[in-house]
Amino acid sequence: EVLTMQELFFFEHTGVTPDGRVEGGYGTSGVRSAWS
């Protein structure tokens, strides 16, 4: 009764600049797509 899911891509929020802009970067989980 548990849905199985896998994250492929994400955005990691690392902080905020002095002028209020969000800092961060995009990354991949290293898991290959189940729909390959």
Full PDB file with SEQRES, HELIX, SHEET, SSBOND, CRYST1, ORIGX, SCALE, CONECT and MASTER records, all heavy atoms in Angstrom:
SEQRES   1 A   36  GLU VAL LEU THR MET GLN GLU LEU PHE PHE PHE GLU HIS          
SEQRES   2 A   36  THR GLY VAL THR PRO ASP GLY ARG VAL GLU GLY GLY TYR          
SEQRES   3 A   36  GLY THR SER GLY VAL ARG SER ALA TRP SER                      
SHEET    1 AA1 2 PHE A   9  VAL A  16  0                                        
SHEET    2 AA1 2 VAL A  22  THR A  28 -1                                        
CRYST1    1.000    1.000    1.000  90.00  90.00  90.00 P 1           1          
ORIGX1      1.000000  0.000000  0.000000        0.00000                         
ORIGX2      0.000000  1.000000  0.000000        0.00000                         
ORIGX3      0.000000  0.000000  1.000000        0.00000                         
SCALE1      1.000000  0.000000  0.000000        0.00000                         
SCALE2      0.000000  1.000000  0.000000        0.00000                         
SCALE3      0.000000  0.000000  1.000000        0.00000                         
ATOM      1  N   GLU A   1       0.819  -1.205   0.000  1.00  0.00           N  
ATOM      2  CA  GLU A   1       0.000   0.000   0.000  1.00  0.00           C  
ATOM      3  C   GLU A   1       0.856   1.260   0.000  1.00  0.00           C  
ATOM      4  O   GLU A   1       0.385   2.341   0.356  1.00  0.00           O  
ATOM      5  CB  GLU A   1      -0.942   0.009   1.209  1.00  0.00           C  
ATOM      6  CG  GLU A   1      -2.003  -1.085   1.172  1.00  0.00           C  
ATOM      7  CD  GLU A   1      -3.027  -0.919   2.274  1.00  0.00           C  
ATOM      8  OE1 GLU A   1      -2.839  -0.019   3.124  1.00  0.00           O  
ATOM      9  OE2 GLU A   1      -4.013  -1.678   2.291  1.00  0.00           O  
ATOM     10  N   VAL A   2       2.106   1.137  -0.448  1.00  0.00           N  
ATOM     11  CA  VAL A   2       3.023   2.275  -0.455  1.00  0.00           C  
ATOM     12  C   VAL A   2       3.403   2.605  -1.893  1.00  0.00           C  
ATOM     13  O   VAL A   2       3.873   1.734  -2.639  1.00  0.00           O  
ATOM     14  CB  VAL A   2       4.297   1.971   0.370  1.00  0.00           C  
ATOM     15  CG1 VAL A   2       5.252   3.155   0.309  1.00  0.00           C  
ATOM     16  CG2 VAL A   2       3.931   1.636   1.802  1.00  0.00           C  
ATOM     17  N   LEU A   3       3.171   3.879  -2.286  1.00  0.00           N  
ATOM     18  CA  LEU A   3       3.596   4.328  -3.610  1.00  0.00           C  
ATOM     19  C   LEU A   3       5.120   4.451  -3.629  1.00  0.00           C  
ATOM     20  O   LEU A   3       5.720   5.025  -2.709  1.00  0.00           O  
ATOM     21  CB  LEU A   3       2.980   5.684  -3.940  1.00  0.00           C  
ATOM     22  CG  LEU A   3       1.536   5.707  -4.429  1.00  0.00           C  
ATOM     23  CD1 LEU A   3       1.030   7.138  -4.499  1.00  0.00           C  
ATOM     24  CD2 LEU A   3       1.427   5.056  -5.798  1.00  0.00           C  
ATOM     25  N   THR A   4       5.752   3.916  -4.674  1.00  0.00           N  
ATOM     26  CA  THR A   4       7.203   4.049  -4.819  1.00  0.00           C  
ATOM     27  C   THR A   4       7.494   5.162  -5.813  1.00  0.00           C  
ATOM     28  O   THR A   4       6.875   5.246  -6.879  1.00  0.00           O  
ATOM     29  CB  THR A   4       7.826   2.737  -5.299  1.00  0.00           C  
ATOM     30  OG1 THR A   4       7.225   2.325  -6.532  1.00  0.00           O  
ATOM     31  CG2 THR A   4       7.629   1.644  -4.262  1.00  0.00           C  
ATOM     32  N   MET A   5       8.425   6.019  -5.430  1.00  0.00           N  
ATOM     33  CA  MET A   5       8.759   7.184  -6.247  1.00  0.00           C  
ATOM     34  C   MET A   5      10.260   7.368  -6.244  1.00  0.00           C  
ATOM     35  O   MET A   5      10.951   6.954  -5.304  1.00  0.00           O  
ATOM     36  CB  MET A   5       8.056   8.438  -5.697  1.00  0.00           C  
ATOM     37  CG  MET A   5       6.555   8.283  -5.492  1.00  0.00           C  
ATOM     38  SD  MET A   5       5.820   9.588  -4.493  1.00  0.00           S  
ATOM     39  CE  MET A   5       5.943  10.959  -5.600  1.00  0.00           C  
ATOM     40  N   GLN A   6      10.773   8.012  -7.301  1.00  0.00           N  
ATOM     41  CA  GLN A   6      12.199   8.340  -7.339  1.00  0.00           C  
ATOM     42  C   GLN A   6      12.380   9.735  -7.933  1.00  0.00           C  
ATOM     43  O   GLN A   6      11.787  10.083  -8.953  1.00  0.00           O  
ATOM     44  CB  GLN A   6      12.990   7.310  -8.147  1.00  0.00           C  
ATOM     45  CG  GLN A   6      12.593   7.183  -9.603  1.00  0.00           C  
ATOM     46  CD  GLN A   6      13.423   6.128 -10.332  1.00  0.00           C  
ATOM     47  OE1 GLN A   6      13.984   5.220  -9.714  1.00  0.00           O  
ATOM     48  NE2 GLN A   6      13.527   6.252 -11.649  1.00  0.00           N  
ATOM     49  N   GLU A   7      13.167  10.547  -7.225  1.00  0.00           N  
ATOM     50  CA  GLU A   7      13.445  11.906  -7.691  1.00  0.00           C  
ATOM     51  C   GLU A   7      14.632  11.886  -8.636  1.00  0.00           C  
ATOM     52  O   GLU A   7      15.684  11.316  -8.326  1.00  0.00           O  
ATOM     53  CB  GLU A   7      13.736  12.817  -6.487  1.00  0.00           C  
ATOM     54  CG  GLU A   7      13.907  14.277  -6.868  1.00  0.00           C  
ATOM     55  CD  GLU A   7      14.169  15.157  -5.652  1.00  0.00           C  
ATOM     56  OE1 GLU A   7      15.122  14.844  -4.900  1.00  0.00           O  
ATOM     57  OE2 GLU A   7      13.436  16.143  -5.443  1.00  0.00           O  
ATOM     58  N   LEU A   8      14.472  12.530  -9.804  1.00  0.00           N  
ATOM     59  CA  LEU A   8      15.547  12.572 -10.799  1.00  0.00           C  
ATOM     60  C   LEU A   8      16.313  13.887 -10.752  1.00  0.00           C  
ATOM     61  O   LEU A   8      17.537  13.907 -10.837  1.00  0.00           O  
ATOM     62  CB  LEU A   8      14.973  12.374 -12.199  1.00  0.00           C  
ATOM     63  CG  LEU A   8      14.204  11.083 -12.480  1.00  0.00           C  
ATOM     64  CD1 LEU A   8      13.753  11.048 -13.933  1.00  0.00           C  
ATOM     65  CD2 LEU A   8      15.044   9.872 -12.151  1.00  0.00           C  
ATOM     66  N   PHE A   9      15.581  14.998 -10.657  1.00  0.00           N  
ATOM     67  CA  PHE A   9      16.197  16.324 -10.700  1.00  0.00           C  
ATOM     68  C   PHE A   9      15.654  17.162  -9.541  1.00  0.00           C  
ATOM     69  O   PHE A   9      14.513  16.981  -9.103  1.00  0.00           O  
ATOM     70  CB  PHE A   9      15.888  17.037 -12.028  1.00  0.00           C  
ATOM     71  CG  PHE A   9      16.245  16.237 -13.250  1.00  0.00           C  
ATOM     72  CD1 PHE A   9      15.287  15.443 -13.871  1.00  0.00           C  
ATOM     73  CD2 PHE A   9      17.522  16.269 -13.785  1.00  0.00           C  
ATOM     74  CE1 PHE A   9      15.601  14.695 -15.002  1.00  0.00           C  
ATOM     75  CE2 PHE A   9      17.844  15.523 -14.903  1.00  0.00           C  
ATOM     76  CZ  PHE A   9      16.882  14.727 -15.521  1.00  0.00           C  
ATOM     77  N   PHE A  10      16.461  18.112  -9.061  1.00  0.00           N  
ATOM     78  CA  PHE A  10      16.027  18.935  -7.934  1.00  0.00           C  
ATOM     79  C   PHE A  10      16.753  20.273  -7.953  1.00  0.00           C  
ATOM     80  O   PHE A  10      17.782  20.450  -8.621  1.00  0.00           O  
ATOM     81  CB  PHE A  10      16.302  18.209  -6.604  1.00  0.00           C  
ATOM     82  CG  PHE A  10      17.748  17.867  -6.374  1.00  0.00           C  
ATOM     83  CD1 PHE A  10      18.631  18.766  -5.801  1.00  0.00           C  
ATOM     84  CD2 PHE A  10      18.248  16.614  -6.762  1.00  0.00           C  
ATOM     85  CE1 PHE A  10      19.964  18.460  -5.609  1.00  0.00           C  
ATOM     86  CE2 PHE A  10      19.580  16.288  -6.570  1.00  0.00           C  
ATOM     87  CZ  PHE A  10      20.441  17.209  -5.993  1.00  0.00           C  
ATOM     88  N   PHE A  11      16.204  21.215  -7.213  1.00  0.00           N  
ATOM     89  CA  PHE A  11      16.859  22.506  -6.962  1.00  0.00           C  
ATOM     90  C   PHE A  11      17.193  22.567  -5.479  1.00  0.00           C  
ATOM     91  O   PHE A  11      16.326  22.363  -4.628  1.00  0.00           O  
ATOM     92  CB  PHE A  11      15.941  23.666  -7.338  1.00  0.00           C  
ATOM     93  CG  PHE A  11      16.505  25.025  -6.967  1.00  0.00           C  
ATOM     94  CD1 PHE A  11      17.463  25.625  -7.761  1.00  0.00           C  
ATOM     95  CD2 PHE A  11      16.086  25.674  -5.807  1.00  0.00           C  
ATOM     96  CE1 PHE A  11      18.002  26.865  -7.408  1.00  0.00           C  
ATOM     97  CE2 PHE A  11      16.606  26.909  -5.448  1.00  0.00           C  
ATOM     98  CZ  PHE A  11      17.571  27.512  -6.257  1.00  0.00           C  
ATOM     99  N   GLU A  12      18.460  22.838  -5.155  1.00  0.00           N  
ATOM    100  CA  GLU A  12      18.904  22.916  -3.768  1.00  0.00           C  
ATOM    101  C   GLU A  12      19.084  24.372  -3.366  1.00  0.00           C  
ATOM    102  O   GLU A  12      19.890  25.100  -3.957  1.00  0.00           O  
ATOM    103  CB  GLU A  12      20.217  22.147  -3.572  1.00  0.00           C  
ATOM    104  CG  GLU A  12      20.647  22.100  -2.120  1.00  0.00           C  
ATOM    105  CD  GLU A  12      21.906  21.260  -1.921  1.00  0.00           C  
ATOM    106  OE1 GLU A  12      22.487  20.805  -2.929  1.00  0.00           O  
ATOM    107  OE2 GLU A  12      22.295  21.059  -0.760  1.00  0.00           O  
ATOM    108  N   HIS A  13      18.322  24.804  -2.377  1.00  0.00           N  
ATOM    109  CA  HIS A  13      18.365  26.173  -1.877  1.00  0.00           C  
ATOM    110  C   HIS A  13      19.485  26.273  -0.850  1.00  0.00           C  
ATOM    111  O   HIS A  13      19.440  25.616   0.188  1.00  0.00           O  
ATOM    112  CB  HIS A  13      17.003  26.516  -1.260  1.00  0.00           C  
ATOM    113  CG  HIS A  13      16.901  27.917  -0.756  1.00  0.00           C  
ATOM    114  ND1 HIS A  13      15.801  28.389  -0.076  1.00  0.00           N  
ATOM    115  CD2 HIS A  13      17.757  28.962  -0.821  1.00  0.00           C  
ATOM    116  CE1 HIS A  13      15.982  29.656   0.253  1.00  0.00           C  
ATOM    117  NE2 HIS A  13      17.171  30.018  -0.184  1.00  0.00           N  
ATOM    118  N   THR A  14      20.496  27.116  -1.131  1.00  0.00           N  
ATOM    119  CA  THR A  14      21.662  27.173  -0.249  1.00  0.00           C  
ATOM    120  C   THR A  14      21.728  28.438   0.599  1.00  0.00           C  
ATOM    121  O   THR A  14      22.450  28.466   1.603  1.00  0.00           O  
ATOM    122  CB  THR A  14      22.956  27.078  -1.074  1.00  0.00           C  
ATOM    123  OG1 THR A  14      22.990  28.152  -2.034  1.00  0.00           O  
ATOM    124  CG2 THR A  14      23.027  25.739  -1.795  1.00  0.00           C  
ATOM    125  N   GLY A  15      21.011  29.487   0.245  1.00  0.00           N  
ATOM    126  CA  GLY A  15      21.085  30.716   1.029  1.00  0.00           C  
ATOM    127  C   GLY A  15      20.420  31.878   0.331  1.00  0.00           C  
ATOM    128  O   GLY A  15      19.723  31.712  -0.681  1.00  0.00           O  
ATOM    129  N   VAL A  16      20.656  33.076   0.878  1.00  0.00           N  
ATOM    130  CA  VAL A  16      20.076  34.305   0.334  1.00  0.00           C  
ATOM    131  C   VAL A  16      21.170  35.361   0.263  1.00  0.00           C  
ATOM    132  O   VAL A  16      21.963  35.518   1.205  1.00  0.00           O  
ATOM    133  CB  VAL A  16      18.910  34.807   1.226  1.00  0.00           C  
ATOM    134  CG1 VAL A  16      18.302  36.084   0.655  1.00  0.00           C  
ATOM    135  CG2 VAL A  16      17.832  33.741   1.372  1.00  0.00           C  
ATOM    136  N   THR A  17      21.227  36.090  -0.839  1.00  0.00           N  
ATOM    137  CA  THR A  17      22.227  37.146  -1.010  1.00  0.00           C  
ATOM    138  C   THR A  17      21.834  38.365  -0.175  1.00  0.00           C  
ATOM    139  O   THR A  17      20.699  38.482   0.277  1.00  0.00           O  
ATOM    140  CB  THR A  17      22.335  37.542  -2.493  1.00  0.00           C  
ATOM    141  OG1 THR A  17      21.080  38.108  -2.911  1.00  0.00           O  
ATOM    142  CG2 THR A  17      22.661  36.334  -3.352  1.00  0.00           C  
ATOM    143  N   PRO A  18      22.767  39.308   0.041  1.00  0.00           N  
ATOM    144  CA  PRO A  18      22.432  40.514   0.811  1.00  0.00           C  
ATOM    145  C   PRO A  18      21.264  41.316   0.240  1.00  0.00           C  
ATOM    146  O   PRO A  18      20.555  41.993   0.992  1.00  0.00           O  
ATOM    147  CB  PRO A  18      23.734  41.325   0.764  1.00  0.00           C  
ATOM    148  CG  PRO A  18      24.805  40.296   0.600  1.00  0.00           C  
ATOM    149  CD  PRO A  18      24.206  39.239  -0.268  1.00  0.00           C  
ATOM    150  N   ASP A  19      21.052  41.248  -1.079  1.00  0.00           N  
ATOM    151  CA  ASP A  19      19.947  41.992  -1.676  1.00  0.00           C  
ATOM    152  C   ASP A  19      18.659  41.169  -1.720  1.00  0.00           C  
ATOM    153  O   ASP A  19      17.681  41.572  -2.369  1.00  0.00           O  
ATOM    154  CB  ASP A  19      20.307  42.473  -3.079  1.00  0.00           C  
ATOM    155  CG  ASP A  19      20.627  41.325  -4.032  1.00  0.00           C  
ATOM    156  OD1 ASP A  19      20.756  40.180  -3.552  1.00  0.00           O  
ATOM    157  OD2 ASP A  19      20.740  41.577  -5.247  1.00  0.00           O  
ATOM    158  N   GLY A  20      18.640  40.012  -1.044  1.00  0.00           N  
ATOM    159  CA  GLY A  20      17.414  39.239  -0.916  1.00  0.00           C  
ATOM    160  C   GLY A  20      17.182  38.207  -1.981  1.00  0.00           C  
ATOM    161  O   GLY A  20      16.122  37.562  -2.002  1.00  0.00           O  
ATOM    162  N   ARG A  21      18.123  37.975  -2.893  1.00  0.00           N  
ATOM    163  CA  ARG A  21      17.944  36.980  -3.941  1.00  0.00           C  
ATOM    164  C   ARG A  21      18.311  35.584  -3.430  1.00  0.00           C  
ATOM    165  O   ARG A  21      19.263  35.400  -2.667  1.00  0.00           O  
ATOM    166  CB  ARG A  21      18.824  37.295  -5.166  1.00  0.00           C  
ATOM    167  CG  ARG A  21      18.665  38.688  -5.714  1.00  0.00           C  
ATOM    168  CD  ARG A  21      17.241  38.979  -6.142  1.00  0.00           C  
ATOM    169  NE  ARG A  21      16.813  38.157  -7.251  1.00  0.00           N  
ATOM    170  CZ  ARG A  21      15.605  38.217  -7.790  1.00  0.00           C  
ATOM    171  NH1 ARG A  21      14.701  39.054  -7.300  1.00  0.00           N  
ATOM    172  NH2 ARG A  21      15.283  37.435  -8.803  1.00  0.00           N  
ATOM    173  N   VAL A  22      17.531  34.597  -3.863  1.00  0.00           N  
ATOM    174  CA  VAL A  22      17.760  33.217  -3.437  1.00  0.00           C  
ATOM    175  C   VAL A  22      18.973  32.648  -4.160  1.00  0.00           C  
ATOM    176  O   VAL A  22      19.133  32.810  -5.376  1.00  0.00           O  
ATOM    177  CB  VAL A  22      16.520  32.351  -3.730  1.00  0.00           C  
ATOM    178  CG1 VAL A  22      16.835  30.870  -3.573  1.00  0.00           C  
ATOM    179  CG2 VAL A  22      15.382  32.745  -2.796  1.00  0.00           C  
ATOM    180  N   GLU A  23      19.845  31.972  -3.397  1.00  0.00           N  
ATOM    181  CA  GLU A  23      21.001  31.294  -3.966  1.00  0.00           C  
ATOM    182  C   GLU A  23      20.758  29.790  -3.950  1.00  0.00           C  
ATOM    183  O   GLU A  23      20.091  29.262  -3.054  1.00  0.00           O  
ATOM    184  CB  GLU A  23      22.266  31.617  -3.171  1.00  0.00           C  
ATOM    185  CG  GLU A  23      22.771  33.031  -3.343  1.00  0.00           C  
ATOM    186  CD  GLU A  23      24.086  33.257  -2.608  1.00  0.00           C  
ATOM    187  OE1 GLU A  23      24.201  32.772  -1.461  1.00  0.00           O  
ATOM    188  OE2 GLU A  23      24.987  33.897  -3.169  1.00  0.00           O  
ATOM    189  N   GLY A  24      21.283  29.108  -4.925  1.00  0.00           N  
ATOM    190  CA  GLY A  24      21.146  27.656  -4.992  1.00  0.00           C  
ATOM    191  C   GLY A  24      21.537  27.140  -6.352  1.00  0.00           C  
ATOM    192  O   GLY A  24      21.979  27.904  -7.224  1.00  0.00           O  
ATOM    193  N   GLY A  25      21.385  25.849  -6.534  1.00  0.00           N  
ATOM    194  CA  GLY A  25      21.755  25.249  -7.807  1.00  0.00           C  
ATOM    195  C   GLY A  25      20.926  24.019  -8.093  1.00  0.00           C  
ATOM    196  O   GLY A  25      20.309  23.426  -7.210  1.00  0.00           O  
ATOM    197  N   TYR A  26      20.913  23.631  -9.377  1.00  0.00           N  
ATOM    198  CA  TYR A  26      20.184  22.446  -9.815  1.00  0.00           C  
ATOM    199  C   TYR A  26      21.108  21.240  -9.779  1.00  0.00           C  
ATOM    200  O   TYR A  26      22.305  21.345 -10.045  1.00  0.00           O  
ATOM    201  CB  TYR A  26      19.650  22.658 -11.231  1.00  0.00           C  
ATOM    202  CG  TYR A  26      18.591  23.734 -11.318  1.00  0.00           C  
ATOM    203  CD1 TYR A  26      18.910  25.007 -11.760  1.00  0.00           C  
ATOM    204  CD2 TYR A  26      17.284  23.468 -10.938  1.00  0.00           C  
ATOM    205  CE1 TYR A  26      17.947  26.005 -11.839  1.00  0.00           C  
ATOM    206  CE2 TYR A  26      16.307  24.455 -11.009  1.00  0.00           C  
ATOM    207  CZ  TYR A  26      16.653  25.726 -11.452  1.00  0.00           C  
ATOM    208  OH  TYR A  26      15.693  26.702 -11.511  1.00  0.00           O  
ATOM    209  N   GLY A  27      20.522  20.097  -9.443  1.00  0.00           N  
ATOM    210  CA  GLY A  27      21.312  18.874  -9.393  1.00  0.00           C  
ATOM    211  C   GLY A  27      20.511  17.669  -9.850  1.00  0.00           C  
ATOM    212  O   GLY A  27      19.305  17.757 -10.108  1.00  0.00           O  
ATOM    213  N   THR A  28      21.193  16.556  -9.965  1.00  0.00           N  
ATOM    214  CA  THR A  28      20.561  15.285 -10.328  1.00  0.00           C  
ATOM    215  C   THR A  28      20.837  14.275  -9.228  1.00  0.00           C  
ATOM    216  O   THR A  28      21.857  14.351  -8.532  1.00  0.00           O  
ATOM    217  CB  THR A  28      21.102  14.748 -11.663  1.00  0.00           C  
ATOM    218  OG1 THR A  28      22.523  14.553 -11.542  1.00  0.00           O  
ATOM    219  CG2 THR A  28      20.832  15.725 -12.801  1.00  0.00           C  
ATOM    220  N   SER A  29      19.914  13.338  -9.082  1.00  0.00           N  
ATOM    221  CA  SER A  29      20.062  12.339  -8.025  1.00  0.00           C  
ATOM    222  C   SER A  29      20.969  11.190  -8.430  1.00  0.00           C  
ATOM    223  O   SER A  29      21.359  10.377  -7.591  1.00  0.00           O  
ATOM    224  CB  SER A  29      18.683  11.797  -7.637  1.00  0.00           C  
ATOM    225  OG  SER A  29      18.097  11.118  -8.741  1.00  0.00           O  
ATOM    226  N   GLY A  30      21.287  11.105  -9.714  1.00  0.00           N  
ATOM    227  CA  GLY A  30      22.108   9.998 -10.189  1.00  0.00           C  
ATOM    228  C   GLY A  30      21.313   8.753 -10.520  1.00  0.00           C  
ATOM    229  O   GLY A  30      21.890   7.720 -10.881  1.00  0.00           O  
ATOM    230  N   VAL A  31      19.981   8.816 -10.403  1.00  0.00           N  
ATOM    231  CA  VAL A  31      19.123   7.673 -10.710  1.00  0.00           C  
ATOM    232  C   VAL A  31      18.651   7.771 -12.157  1.00  0.00           C  
ATOM    233  O   VAL A  31      18.206   8.821 -12.602  1.00  0.00           O  
ATOM    234  CB  VAL A  31      17.909   7.642  -9.754  1.00  0.00           C  
ATOM    235  CG1 VAL A  31      16.990   6.472 -10.093  1.00  0.00           C  
ATOM    236  CG2 VAL A  31      18.373   7.560  -8.298  1.00  0.00           C  
ATOM    237  N   ARG A  32      18.753   6.672 -12.879  1.00  0.00           N  
ATOM    238  CA  ARG A  32      18.299   6.660 -14.272  1.00  0.00           C  
ATOM    239  C   ARG A  32      16.774   6.531 -14.324  1.00  0.00           C  
ATOM    240  O   ARG A  32      16.165   5.857 -13.500  1.00  0.00           O  
ATOM    241  CB  ARG A  32      18.954   5.486 -15.021  1.00  0.00           C  
ATOM    242  CG  ARG A  32      18.695   5.491 -16.535  1.00  0.00           C  
ATOM    243  CD  ARG A  32      19.490   4.388 -17.205  1.00  0.00           C  
ATOM    244  NE  ARG A  32      20.922   4.586 -17.020  1.00  0.00           N  
ATOM    245  CZ  ARG A  32      21.657   5.372 -17.793  1.00  0.00           C  
ATOM    246  NH1 ARG A  32      21.088   6.040 -18.794  1.00  0.00           N  
ATOM    247  NH2 ARG A  32      22.945   5.487 -17.577  1.00  0.00           N  
ATOM    248  N   SER A  33      16.181   7.171 -15.316  1.00  0.00           N  
ATOM    249  CA  SER A  33      14.727   7.187 -15.439  1.00  0.00           C  
ATOM    250  C   SER A  33      14.161   5.781 -15.611  1.00  0.00           C  
ATOM    251  O   SER A  33      14.708   4.943 -16.335  1.00  0.00           O  
ATOM    252  CB  SER A  33      14.302   8.047 -16.638  1.00  0.00           C  
ATOM    253  OG  SER A  33      12.925   7.914 -16.894  1.00  0.00           O  
ATOM    254  N   ALA A  34      13.025   5.540 -14.965  1.00  0.00           N  
ATOM    255  CA  ALA A  34      12.331   4.263 -15.126  1.00  0.00           C  
ATOM    256  C   ALA A  34      11.688   4.145 -16.503  1.00  0.00           C  
ATOM    257  O   ALA A  34      11.261   3.056 -16.898  1.00  0.00           O  
ATOM    258  CB  ALA A  34      11.258   4.129 -14.046  1.00  0.00           C  
ATOM    259  N   TRP A  35      11.631   5.261 -17.230  1.00  0.00           N  
ATOM    260  CA  TRP A  35      10.993   5.260 -18.554  1.00  0.00           C  
ATOM    261  C   TRP A  35      12.015   5.265 -19.690  1.00  0.00           C  
ATOM    262  O   TRP A  35      11.682   5.577 -20.830  1.00  0.00           O  
ATOM    263  CB  TRP A  35      10.080   6.475 -18.687  1.00  0.00           C  
ATOM    264  CG  TRP A  35       9.065   6.553 -17.595  1.00  0.00           C  
ATOM    265  CD1 TRP A  35       9.079   7.375 -16.512  1.00  0.00           C  
ATOM    266  CD2 TRP A  35       7.912   5.729 -17.451  1.00  0.00           C  
ATOM    267  NE1 TRP A  35       8.004   7.124 -15.706  1.00  0.00           N  
ATOM    268  CE2 TRP A  35       7.261   6.127 -16.259  1.00  0.00           C  
ATOM    269  CE3 TRP A  35       7.354   4.697 -18.211  1.00  0.00           C  
ATOM    270  CZ2 TRP A  35       6.096   5.529 -15.805  1.00  0.00           C  
ATOM    271  CZ3 TRP A  35       6.191   4.101 -17.756  1.00  0.00           C  
ATOM    272  CH2 TRP A  35       5.570   4.518 -16.571  1.00  0.00           C  
ATOM    273  N   SER A  36      13.257   4.900 -19.388  1.00  0.00           N  
ATOM    274  CA  SER A  36      14.308   4.910 -20.421  1.00  0.00           C  
ATOM    275  C   SER A  36      13.956   4.021 -21.608  1.00  0.00           C  
ATOM    276  O   SER A  36      14.176   4.401 -22.767  1.00  0.00           O  
ATOM    277  CB  SER A  36      15.645   4.474 -19.803  1.00  0.00           C  
ATOM    278  OG  SER A  36      16.063   5.376 -18.799  1.00  0.00           O  
TER     279      SER A  36                                                      
MASTER        0    0    0    0    2    0    0    6  278    1    0    3          
END                                                                             
